[in-house]
C-alpha atoms as a PDB file:
ATOM      1  CA  MET A   1      -0.065  -0.023  -0.005  1.00  0.00           C
ATOM      2  CA  THR A   2       1.320   3.440  -0.947  1.00  0.00           C
ATOM      3  CA  THR A   3       0.871   6.627   1.003  1.00  0.00           C
ATOM      4  CA  VAL A   4      -1.781   7.933  -1.362  1.00  0.00           C
ATOM      5  CA  GLU A   5      -3.704   4.570  -1.252  1.00  0.00           C
ATOM      6  CA  ALA A   6      -3.473   4.604   2.561  1.00  0.00           C
ATOM      7  CA  LEU A   7      -4.820   8.164   2.765  1.00  0.00           C
ATOM      8  CA  LYS A   8      -7.690   7.442   0.337  1.00  0.00           C
ATOM      9  CA  TRP A   9      -8.656   4.370   2.299  1.00  0.00           C
ATOM     10  CA  ALA A  10      -8.574   6.193   5.651  1.00  0.00           C
ATOM     11  CA  ASN A  11     -10.527   9.081   4.308  1.00  0.00           C
ATOM     12  CA  GLU A  12     -13.387   6.745   3.199  1.00  0.00           C
ATOM     13  CA  LYS A  13     -13.266   4.894   6.531  1.00  0.00           C
ATOM     14  CA  LEU A  14     -13.362   8.091   8.574  1.00  0.00           C
ATOM     15  CA  LYS A  15     -16.298   9.405   6.632  1.00  0.00           C
ATOM     16  CA  GLY A  16     -18.311   6.446   7.909  1.00  0.00           C
ATOM     17  CA  GLU A  17     -21.238   4.683   6.309  1.00  0.00           C
ATOM     18  CA  VAL A  18     -24.021   6.704   7.893  1.00  0.00           C
ATOM     19  CA  SER A  19     -22.603   9.868   9.415  1.00  0.00           C
ATOM     20  CA  GLU A  20     -19.067  11.394   9.382  1.00  0.00           C
ATOM     21  CA  VAL A  21     -16.825  10.115  12.080  1.00  0.00           C
ATOM     22  CA  SER A  22     -14.622  13.106  11.768  1.00  0.00           C
ATOM     23  CA  ASP A  23     -15.176  16.776  10.598  1.00  0.00           C
ATOM     24  CA  SER A  24     -11.910  16.631   8.805  1.00  0.00           C
ATOM     25  CA  PRO A  25     -11.242  13.019   7.775  1.00  0.00           C
ATOM     26  CA  MET A  26      -8.378  13.629   5.269  1.00  0.00           C
ATOM     27  CA  LEU A  27      -6.511  15.909   7.724  1.00  0.00           C
ATOM     28  CA  ASP A  28      -6.933  13.366  10.469  1.00  0.00           C
ATOM     29  CA  ALA A  29      -5.577  10.668   8.188  1.00  0.00           C
ATOM     30  CA  GLN A  30      -2.581  12.849   7.193  1.00  0.00           C
ATOM     31  CA  ILE A  31      -1.619  13.579  10.828  1.00  0.00           C
ATOM     32  CA  LEU A  32      -1.864   9.920  11.873  1.00  0.00           C
ATOM     33  CA  LEU A  33       0.085   8.629   8.902  1.00  0.00           C
ATOM     34  CA  ALA A  34       2.750  11.398   9.264  1.00  0.00           C
ATOM     35  CA  ALA A  35       3.165  10.375  12.916  1.00  0.00           C
ATOM     36  CA  ILE A  36       3.751   6.758  12.109  1.00  0.00           C
ATOM     37  CA  LEU A  37       6.238   7.508   9.371  1.00  0.00           C
ATOM     38  CA  LYS A  38       7.837  10.292  11.561  1.00  0.00           C
ATOM     39  CA  VAL A  39       7.543  12.823   8.822  1.00  0.00           C
ATOM     40  CA  SER A  40       5.705  16.123   8.241  1.00  0.00           C
ATOM     41  CA  THR A  41       2.277  16.089   6.684  1.00  0.00           C
ATOM     42  CA  SER A  42       3.732  18.209   3.825  1.00  0.00           C
ATOM     43  CA  TRP A  43       6.231  15.292   3.179  1.00  0.00           C
ATOM     44  CA  LEU A  44       3.268  13.119   2.199  1.00  0.00           C
ATOM     45  CA  PHE A  45       2.270  15.281  -0.693  1.00  0.00           C
ATOM     46  CA  THR A  46       5.708  14.801  -2.335  1.00  0.00           C
ATOM     47  CA  HIS A  47       5.895  11.033  -1.631  1.00  0.00           C
ATOM     48  CA  PHE A  48       2.555   9.753  -2.722  1.00  0.00           C
ATOM     49  CA  ASP A  49       4.118   6.570  -4.235  1.00  0.00           C
ATOM     50  CA  GLN A  50       6.087   5.705  -1.089  1.00  0.00           C
ATOM     51  CA  GLU A  51       5.384   2.031  -0.225  1.00  0.00           C
ATOM     52  CA  LEU A  52       4.466   1.498   3.434  1.00  0.00           C
ATOM     53  CA  LYS A  53       6.081  -1.311   5.283  1.00  0.00           C
ATOM     54  CA  GLU A  54       3.747  -3.992   6.555  1.00  0.00           C
ATOM     55  CA  ASN A  55       4.217  -2.919  10.257  1.00  0.00           C
ATOM     56  CA  GLN A  56       3.537   0.748   9.205  1.00  0.00           C
ATOM     57  CA  SER A  57       0.272  -0.269   7.341  1.00  0.00           C
ATOM     58  CA  GLU A  58      -0.939  -2.314  10.324  1.00  0.00           C
ATOM     59  CA  GLU A  59      -0.173   0.449  12.787  1.00  0.00           C
ATOM     60  CA  PHE A  60      -2.055   2.935  10.479  1.00  0.00           C
ATOM     61  CA  ARG A  61      -5.080   0.599  10.382  1.00  0.00           C
ATOM     62  CA  GLN A  62      -5.070   0.443  14.222  1.00  0.00           C
ATOM     63  CA  PHE A  63      -4.862   4.210  14.431  1.00  0.00           C
ATOM     64  CA  ILE A  64      -7.787   4.645  12.018  1.00  0.00           C
ATOM     65  CA  LYS A  65      -9.790   2.189  14.088  1.00  0.00           C
ATOM     66  CA  ARG A  66      -9.152   4.124  17.220  1.00  0.00           C
ATOM     67  CA  ARG A  67     -10.221   7.345  15.402  1.00  0.00           C
ATOM     68  CA  ILE A  68     -13.367   5.685  14.183  1.00  0.00           C
ATOM     69  CA  ASN A  69     -14.148   5.060  17.817  1.00  0.00           C
ATOM     70  CA  LYS A  70     -13.797   8.846  18.401  1.00  0.00           C
ATOM     71  CA  GLU A  71     -10.509   8.852  20.282  1.00  0.00           C
ATOM     72  CA  PRO A  72      -8.993  12.248  19.765  1.00  0.00           C
ATOM     73  CA  VAL A  73      -6.101  12.378  17.208  1.00  0.00           C
ATOM     74  CA  ALA A  74      -3.874  14.041  19.844  1.00  0.00           C
ATOM     75  CA  TYR A  75      -4.237  11.054  22.277  1.00  0.00           C
ATOM     76  CA  ILE A  76      -3.620   8.457  19.437  1.00  0.00           C
ATOM     77  CA  ILE A  77      -0.310  10.140  18.425  1.00  0.00           C
ATOM     78  CA  GLY A  78       0.441  11.352  22.018  1.00  0.00           C
ATOM     79  CA  GLU A  79       1.131  14.990  21.249  1.00  0.00           C
ATOM     80  CA  LYS A  80      -0.525  18.356  20.386  1.00  0.00           C
ATOM     81  CA  GLU A  81       0.850  21.509  19.099  1.00  0.00           C
ATOM     82  CA  PHE A  82       0.259  24.728  21.047  1.00  0.00           C
ATOM     83  CA  PHE A  83       1.790  28.091  20.327  1.00  0.00           C
ATOM     84  CA  LYS A  84       4.059  26.468  17.734  1.00  0.00           C
ATOM     85  CA  ARG A  85       5.387  23.983  20.330  1.00  0.00           C
ATOM     86  CA  SER A  86       4.852  20.348  20.702  1.00  0.00           C
ATOM     87  CA  PHE A  87       3.305  18.961  23.908  1.00  0.00           C
ATOM     88  CA  LEU A  88       3.035  15.457  25.142  1.00  0.00           C
ATOM     89  CA  VAL A  89      -0.547  14.588  25.924  1.00  0.00           C
ATOM     90  CA  ASN A  90      -2.522  11.510  27.260  1.00  0.00           C
ATOM     91  CA  PRO A  91      -5.874  10.868  28.815  1.00  0.00           C
ATOM     92  CA  LEU A  92      -4.598  12.178  32.125  1.00  0.00           C
ATOM     93  CA  VAL A  93      -4.575  15.793  30.842  1.00  0.00           C
ATOM     94  CA  LEU A  94      -6.814  17.905  28.583  1.00  0.00           C
ATOM     95  CA  ILE A  95      -5.706  18.495  25.087  1.00  0.00           C
ATOM     96  CA  PRO A  96      -4.521  22.123  24.662  1.00  0.00           C
ATOM     97  CA  ARG A  97      -6.993  24.149  22.552  1.00  0.00           C
ATOM     98  CA  PRO A  98      -6.360  27.015  20.032  1.00  0.00           C
ATOM     99  CA  ALA A  99      -8.814  29.196  21.990  1.00  0.00           C
ATOM    100  CA  THR A 100      -6.394  29.037  25.099  1.00  0.00           C
ATOM    101  CA  GLU A 101      -3.652  30.797  22.960  1.00  0.00           C
ATOM    102  CA  ILE A 102      -5.473  34.081  23.451  1.00  0.00           C
ATOM    103  CA  LEU A 103      -4.950  33.652  27.282  1.00  0.00           C
ATOM    104  CA  VAL A 104      -1.202  33.279  26.628  1.00  0.00           C
ATOM    105  CA  GLU A 105      -1.122  36.198  24.234  1.00  0.00           C
ATOM    106  CA  THR A 106      -2.909  38.312  26.853  1.00  0.00           C
ATOM    107  CA  ALA A 107      -0.552  37.382  29.564  1.00  0.00           C
ATOM    108  CA  LEU A 108       2.415  38.349  27.379  1.00  0.00           C
ATOM    109  CA  GLU A 109       0.734  41.710  26.684  1.00  0.00           C
ATOM    110  CA  LYS A 110       0.258  42.300  30.427  1.00  0.00           C
ATOM    111  CA  ILE A 111       4.036  42.357  31.065  1.00  0.00           C
ATOM    112  CA  ASN A 112       4.895  45.863  32.169  1.00  0.00           C
ATOM    113  CA  GLN A 113       8.650  46.489  32.657  1.00  0.00           C
ATOM    114  CA  THR A 114       7.984  49.612  34.696  1.00  0.00           C
ATOM    115  CA  LEU A 115       6.314  47.573  37.441  1.00  0.00           C
ATOM    116  CA  GLY A 116       9.416  45.573  38.133  1.00  0.00           C
ATOM    117  CA  GLU A 117      10.211  41.871  37.753  1.00  0.00           C
ATOM    118  CA  THR A 118       7.315  39.795  36.560  1.00  0.00           C
ATOM    119  CA  TRP A 119       6.511  36.230  37.613  1.00  0.00           C
ATOM    120  CA  PHE A 120       3.780  33.989  36.241  1.00  0.00           C
ATOM    121  CA  ALA A 121       1.506  31.436  37.961  1.00  0.00           C
ATOM    122  CA  ASP A 122      -0.478  28.809  36.087  1.00  0.00           C
ATOM    123  CA  ILE A 123      -3.276  27.331  38.257  1.00  0.00           C
ATOM    124  CA  GLY A 124      -4.569  23.953  37.016  1.00  0.00           C
ATOM    125  CA  THR A 125      -1.515  23.509  34.713  1.00  0.00           C
ATOM    126  CA  GLY A 126      -2.580  20.098  33.242  1.00  0.00           C
ATOM    127  CA  SER A 127      -0.152  19.323  30.350  1.00  0.00           C
ATOM    128  CA  GLY A 128       1.808  22.535  31.236  1.00  0.00           C
ATOM    129  CA  ALA A 129       1.097  24.153  27.976  1.00  0.00           C
ATOM    130  CA  ILE A 130       0.371  27.590  29.369  1.00  0.00           C
ATOM    131  CA  ALA A 131       3.197  27.643  31.943  1.00  0.00           C
ATOM    132  CA  ILE A 132       5.808  26.271  29.525  1.00  0.00           C
ATOM    133  CA  THR A 133       4.870  28.700  26.748  1.00  0.00           C
ATOM    134  CA  LEU A 134       5.102  31.651  29.094  1.00  0.00           C
ATOM    135  CA  ALA A 135       8.469  30.468  30.435  1.00  0.00           C
ATOM    136  CA  ALA A 136       9.778  29.832  26.898  1.00  0.00           C
ATOM    137  CA  GLU A 137       8.523  33.088  25.483  1.00  0.00           C
ATOM    138  CA  THR A 138       9.719  35.339  28.314  1.00  0.00           C
ATOM    139  CA  GLY A 139      12.436  33.566  30.365  1.00  0.00           C
ATOM    140  CA  PHE A 140      10.537  34.663  33.475  1.00  0.00           C
ATOM    141  CA  PRO A 141       9.835  32.371  36.513  1.00  0.00           C
ATOM    142  CA  VAL A 142       6.645  30.409  36.638  1.00  0.00           C
ATOM    143  CA  ILE A 143       4.812  28.641  39.420  1.00  0.00           C
ATOM    144  CA  ALA A 144       2.749  25.915  37.842  1.00  0.00           C
ATOM    145  CA  SER A 145       0.245  23.878  40.006  1.00  0.00           C
ATOM    146  CA  ASP A 146      -2.355  21.140  39.677  1.00  0.00           C
ATOM    147  CA  ILE A 147      -4.367  19.008  42.032  1.00  0.00           C
ATOM    148  CA  SER A 148      -3.459  15.892  39.998  1.00  0.00           C
ATOM    149  CA  PRO A 149       0.061  14.366  40.508  1.00  0.00           C
ATOM    150  CA  SER A 150      -0.388  12.539  37.238  1.00  0.00           C
ATOM    151  CA  ALA A 151      -1.036  15.701  35.317  1.00  0.00           C
ATOM    152  CA  LEU A 152       2.015  17.346  36.947  1.00  0.00           C
ATOM    153  CA  ASN A 153       4.238  14.386  35.827  1.00  0.00           C
ATOM    154  CA  VAL A 154       3.058  15.074  32.241  1.00  0.00           C
ATOM    155  CA  ALA A 155       3.800  18.822  32.642  1.00  0.00           C
ATOM    156  CA  LYS A 156       7.222  18.158  33.984  1.00  0.00           C
ATOM    157  CA  LYS A 157       8.049  15.897  30.906  1.00  0.00           C
ATOM    158  CA  ASN A 158       6.808  18.714  28.701  1.00  0.00           C
ATOM    159  CA  ALA A 159       8.940  21.223  30.504  1.00  0.00           C
ATOM    160  CA  GLY A 160      12.014  19.025  29.941  1.00  0.00           C
ATOM    161  CA  GLN A 161      11.155  18.488  26.366  1.00  0.00           C
ATOM    162  CA  ASN A 162      10.894  22.265  25.849  1.00  0.00           C
ATOM    163  CA  LYS A 163      14.045  22.981  27.938  1.00  0.00           C
ATOM    164  CA  VAL A 164      12.366  25.324  30.527  1.00  0.00           C
ATOM    165  CA  GLU A 165      12.345  23.073  33.604  1.00  0.00           C
ATOM    166  CA  GLU A 166      14.731  25.345  35.415  1.00  0.00           C
ATOM    167  CA  LEU A 167      12.234  28.280  35.058  1.00  0.00           C
ATOM    168  CA  ILE A 168       9.192  26.427  36.392  1.00  0.00           C
ATOM    169  CA  ASP A 169       8.361  25.563  40.026  1.00  0.00           C
ATOM    170  CA  PHE A 170       5.865  22.652  39.865  1.00  0.00           C
ATOM    171  CA  ARG A 171       3.670  22.274  42.866  1.00  0.00           C
ATOM    172  CA  GLN A 172       0.873  19.777  43.654  1.00  0.00           C
ATOM    173  CA  GLY A 173      -2.315  21.151  45.432  1.00  0.00           C
ATOM    174  CA  ASP A 174      -5.794  22.554  45.142  1.00  0.00           C
ATOM    175  CA  LEU A 175      -6.215  25.909  43.316  1.00  0.00           C
ATOM    176  CA  LEU A 176      -4.405  28.804  45.057  1.00  0.00           C
ATOM    177  CA  GLU A 177      -3.008  26.612  47.862  1.00  0.00           C
ATOM    178  CA  PRO A 178       0.377  25.937  46.364  1.00  0.00           C
ATOM    179  CA  LEU A 179       0.776  29.627  45.411  1.00  0.00           C
ATOM    180  CA  ILE A 180      -0.176  30.751  48.867  1.00  0.00           C
ATOM    181  CA  ASN A 181       2.381  28.326  50.468  1.00  0.00           C
ATOM    182  CA  ALA A 182       5.046  29.546  48.011  1.00  0.00           C
ATOM    183  CA  PHE A 183       4.590  33.243  48.839  1.00  0.00           C
ATOM    184  CA  ARG A 184       4.328  32.551  52.606  1.00  0.00           C
ATOM    185  CA  ALA A 185       7.761  30.879  52.365  1.00  0.00           C
ATOM    186  CA  LEU A 186       9.024  33.844  50.456  1.00  0.00           C
ATOM    187  CA  GLN A 187       7.841  36.152  53.238  1.00  0.00           C
ATOM    188  CA  GLU A 188      10.306  34.504  55.521  1.00  0.00           C
ATOM    189  CA  MET A 189      13.066  34.915  52.968  1.00  0.00           C
ATOM    190  CA  PRO A 190      12.492  38.459  51.557  1.00  0.00           C
ATOM    191  CA  GLU A 191      15.926  38.492  49.926  1.00  0.00           C
ATOM    192  CA  LYS A 192      14.678  35.763  47.523  1.00  0.00           C
ATOM    193  CA  ASN A 193      11.319  37.481  46.649  1.00  0.00           C
ATOM    194  CA  SER A 194      12.112  39.750  43.687  1.00  0.00           C
ATOM    195  CA  CYS A 195       8.590  39.490  42.246  1.00  0.00           C
ATOM    196  CA  LYS A 196       6.967  42.895  41.752  1.00  0.00           C
ATOM    197  CA  HIS A 197       4.222  41.906  39.363  1.00  0.00           C
ATOM    198  CA  LEU A 198       2.368  38.517  39.481  1.00  0.00           C
ATOM    199  CA  ILE A 199       0.308  37.407  36.570  1.00  0.00           C
ATOM    200  CA  ILE A 200      -2.001  34.467  37.670  1.00  0.00           C
ATOM    201  CA  CYS A 201      -3.424  32.474  34.636  1.00  0.00           C
ATOM    202  CA  ALA A 202      -6.209  29.883  35.122  1.00  0.00           C
ATOM    203  CA  ASN A 203      -7.808  27.595  32.624  1.00  0.00           C
ATOM    204  CA  LEU A 204      -9.886  25.645  35.168  1.00  0.00           C
ATOM    205  CA  PRO A 205     -12.856  23.269  34.620  1.00  0.00           C
ATOM    206  CA  TYR A 206     -15.825  25.450  33.533  1.00  0.00           C
ATOM    207  CA  LEU A 207     -18.343  23.124  31.926  1.00  0.00           C
ATOM    208  CA  THR A 208     -21.792  22.452  33.542  1.00  0.00           C
ATOM    209  CA  PRO A 209     -22.812  18.872  33.907  1.00  0.00           C
ATOM    210  CA  ASN A 210     -25.380  19.385  31.133  1.00  0.00           C
ATOM    211  CA  GLN A 211     -22.720  20.811  28.806  1.00  0.00           C
ATOM    212  CA  TRP A 212     -20.460  17.833  29.466  1.00  0.00           C
ATOM    213  CA  GLN A 213     -23.212  15.387  28.883  1.00  0.00           C
ATOM    214  CA  ASN A 214     -24.094  16.978  25.513  1.00  0.00           C
ATOM    215  CA  THR A 215     -20.469  17.483  24.356  1.00  0.00           C
ATOM    216  CA  GLU A 216     -18.721  15.476  21.458  1.00  0.00           C
ATOM    217  CA  ARG A 217     -17.748  11.956  22.204  1.00  0.00           C
ATOM    218  CA  ASP A 218     -14.147  12.949  21.588  1.00  0.00           C
ATOM    219  CA  VAL A 219     -14.306  14.971  24.721  1.00  0.00           C
ATOM    220  CA  LYS A 220     -16.810  13.168  26.864  1.00  0.00           C
ATOM    221  CA  ASP A 221     -15.459   9.626  26.373  1.00  0.00           C
ATOM    222  CA  PHE A 222     -11.781  10.340  26.478  1.00  0.00           C
ATOM    223  CA  GLU A 223     -10.720  13.625  28.212  1.00  0.00           C
ATOM    224  CA  PRO A 224     -10.653  13.721  32.016  1.00  0.00           C
ATOM    225  CA  LYS A 225     -13.961  14.871  33.429  1.00  0.00           C
ATOM    226  CA  LEU A 226     -12.254  16.220  36.565  1.00  0.00           C
ATOM    227  CA  ALA A 227     -10.640  18.846  34.265  1.00  0.00           C
ATOM    228  CA  LEU A 228     -13.887  19.761  32.583  1.00  0.00           C
ATOM    229  CA  VAL A 229     -16.803  20.040  34.879  1.00  0.00           C
ATOM    230  CA  ALA A 230     -17.196  22.387  37.830  1.00  0.00           C
ATOM    231  CA  GLY A 231     -20.726  22.466  39.450  1.00  0.00           C
ATOM    232  CA  GLN A 232     -24.104  23.408  38.143  1.00  0.00           C
ATOM    233  CA  ASP A 233     -23.053  26.674  36.716  1.00  0.00           C
ATOM    234  CA  GLY A 234     -19.510  25.653  35.791  1.00  0.00           C
ATOM    235  CA  LEU A 235     -18.121  28.331  38.036  1.00  0.00           C
ATOM    236  CA  ASP A 236     -17.506  26.506  41.346  1.00  0.00           C
ATOM    237  CA  LEU A 237     -13.792  26.518  41.100  1.00  0.00           C
ATOM    238  CA  TYR A 238     -13.493  30.084  39.865  1.00  0.00           C
ATOM    239  CA  TRP A 239     -15.750  31.201  42.800  1.00  0.00           C
ATOM    240  CA  LYS A 240     -13.325  29.509  45.234  1.00  0.00           C
ATOM    241  CA  LEU A 241     -10.250  30.854  43.494  1.00  0.00           C
ATOM    242  CA  ILE A 242     -11.526  34.453  43.588  1.00  0.00           C
ATOM    243  CA  ARG A 243     -12.707  34.141  47.185  1.00  0.00           C
ATOM    244  CA  ASP A 244      -9.346  32.780  48.313  1.00  0.00           C
ATOM    245  CA  LEU A 245      -7.545  35.476  46.275  1.00  0.00           C
ATOM    246  CA  LYS A 246      -9.349  38.044  48.239  1.00  0.00           C
ATOM    247  CA  LYS A 247      -8.608  36.349  51.526  1.00  0.00           C
ATOM    248  CA  TYR A 248      -4.898  36.051  50.901  1.00  0.00           C
ATOM    249  CA  ARG A 249      -4.421  39.158  48.696  1.00  0.00           C
ATOM    250  CA  SER A 250      -1.859  40.663  51.150  1.00  0.00           C
ATOM    251  CA  LEU A 251       0.584  37.765  50.582  1.00  0.00           C
ATOM    252  CA  PHE A 252       1.031  38.670  46.940  1.00  0.00           C
ATOM    253  CA  PRO A 253       2.832  41.494  45.164  1.00  0.00           C
ATOM    254  CA  GLU A 254       1.198  44.925  44.983  1.00  0.00           C
ATOM    255  CA  PHE A 255       0.685  44.503  41.174  1.00  0.00           C
ATOM    256  CA  LEU A 256      -1.427  41.396  40.365  1.00  0.00           C
ATOM    257  CA  SER A 257      -3.075  40.474  37.146  1.00  0.00           C
ATOM    258  CA  LEU A 258      -5.682  37.667  37.028  1.00  0.00           C
ATOM    259  CA  LEU A 259      -6.592  35.988  33.657  1.00  0.00           C
ATOM    260  CA  LEU A 260      -9.262  33.360  33.508  1.00  0.00           C
ATOM    261  CA  GLU A 261     -10.464  31.284  30.596  1.00  0.00           C
ATOM    262  CA  ILE A 262     -14.324  30.868  30.614  1.00  0.00           C
ATOM    263  CA  ASP A 263     -17.198  29.704  28.608  1.00  0.00           C
ATOM    264  CA  PRO A 264     -18.729  32.803  26.691  1.00  0.00           C
ATOM    265  CA  ASP A 265     -22.029  32.347  28.394  1.00  0.00           C
ATOM    266  CA  GLN A 266     -20.393  32.896  31.781  1.00  0.00           C
ATOM    267  CA  THR A 267     -19.148  36.487  31.206  1.00  0.00           C
ATOM    268  CA  LYS A 268     -21.840  38.341  33.159  1.00  0.00           C
ATOM    269  CA  LYS A 269     -21.929  35.974  35.994  1.00  0.00           C
ATOM    270  CA  ILE A 270     -18.085  35.858  36.565  1.00  0.00           C
ATOM    271  CA  THR A 271     -17.875  39.594  36.215  1.00  0.00           C
ATOM    272  CA  LYS A 272     -20.424  39.986  39.159  1.00  0.00           C
ATOM    273  CA  MET A 273     -18.441  37.400  41.049  1.00  0.00           C
ATOM    274  CA  ILE A 274     -15.108  39.299  40.723  1.00  0.00           C
ATOM    275  CA  GLN A 275     -16.644  42.797  41.409  1.00  0.00           C
ATOM    276  CA  HIS A 276     -18.276  41.386  44.517  1.00  0.00           C
ATOM    277  CA  ASP A 277     -14.909  40.631  46.147  1.00  0.00           C
ATOM    278  CA  PHE A 278     -12.963  43.366  44.298  1.00  0.00           C
ATOM    279  CA  PRO A 279     -15.429  46.213  43.771  1.00  0.00           C
ATOM    280  CA  GLU A 280     -12.810  48.619  42.636  1.00  0.00           C
ATOM    281  CA  SER A 281     -11.612  46.369  39.839  1.00  0.00           C
ATOM    282  CA  ASN A 282     -12.099  46.909  36.111  1.00  0.00           C
ATOM    283  CA  VAL A 283     -13.047  43.684  34.348  1.00  0.00           C
ATOM    284  CA  GLU A 284     -11.941  43.229  30.696  1.00  0.00           C
ATOM    285  CA  ILE A 285     -13.053  40.542  28.347  1.00  0.00           C
ATOM    286  CA  ARG A 286     -10.936  39.273  25.507  1.00  0.00           C
ATOM    287  CA  LYS A 287     -12.341  37.376  22.525  1.00  0.00           C
ATOM    288  CA  ASP A 288     -10.732  34.237  21.097  1.00  0.00           C
ATOM    289  CA  LEU A 289     -10.089  33.571  17.348  1.00  0.00           C
ATOM    290  CA  ALA A 290     -13.710  32.557  16.780  1.00  0.00           C
ATOM    291  CA  GLY A 291     -14.878  35.919  18.172  1.00  0.00           C
ATOM    292  CA  LEU A 292     -16.231  34.436  21.403  1.00  0.00           C
ATOM    293  CA  GLU A 293     -15.730  36.028  24.741  1.00  0.00           C
ATOM    294  CA  ARG A 294     -13.067  33.696  26.212  1.00  0.00           C
ATOM    295  CA  VAL A 295     -10.666  35.418  28.648  1.00  0.00           C
ATOM    296  CA  VAL A 296     -11.461  37.565  31.740  1.00  0.00           C
ATOM    297  CA  VAL A 297      -8.745  40.005  32.539  1.00  0.00           C
ATOM    298  CA  VAL A 298      -8.616  41.944  35.769  1.00  0.00           C
ATOM    299  CA  ALA A 299      -6.122  43.783  38.081  1.00  0.00           C
ATOM    300  CA  VAL A 300      -6.811  42.961  41.673  1.00  0.00           C
END
């Protein structure tokens, strides 16, 4: 079987007999075949007549079978691109989404050299995509936390793969707890605390149970529910994060920026939530590439 024959076969299989298995069957086939051959997808277009080895053909058939069962392409090949970098992913962590890149872009925009040294914090880091990207783009220190030790192991591997492990302090714990502990320790060693501006980023679970129930099988059947669902309105974790930030605000630097990724329908509710605890704050909303309100930005 040649590469072009394999792609044509996979395209037909992924289309399905009754309804489409994939929104982009040919692209899925190209990514899966390129991963097996360890080449770029563009390489396939100049090597249509390349004969596949039998083990490669069999592996491709197994990959297509998994995709027909709706397993995400990123989990099948074990990686996903985010901000032009490759990240290891598996079912222990969410797959990084393009919509989240706006959160990273906004965090980079918030750097203000006049405020002094900037540190980042990534709450609920998962694969580490946000924390690692910020560290790689700026060279600034990052505290990355997650409640899941398994997720942190994935994030640490990604940090090593992207050569930023020395910039990131990985901590296991719930929401702000690891950050609170870190800054409490720094209070006892003021000579080591050079942070003047802290930028906290959080892409926490924000789906409602109903949203999760009705989401695509790619998500519902394969991605970790713990990293997706957060109470009846999807805002349970953000409510706790904001409440704890108010309670422990004095621990942190004078200049603190908070960036939260949300569902577009949560804009009004989370704005009220923030302004309840930080009435003087000015809440800004950033839209993602699809034009949907996606990131809440506030100085607290």
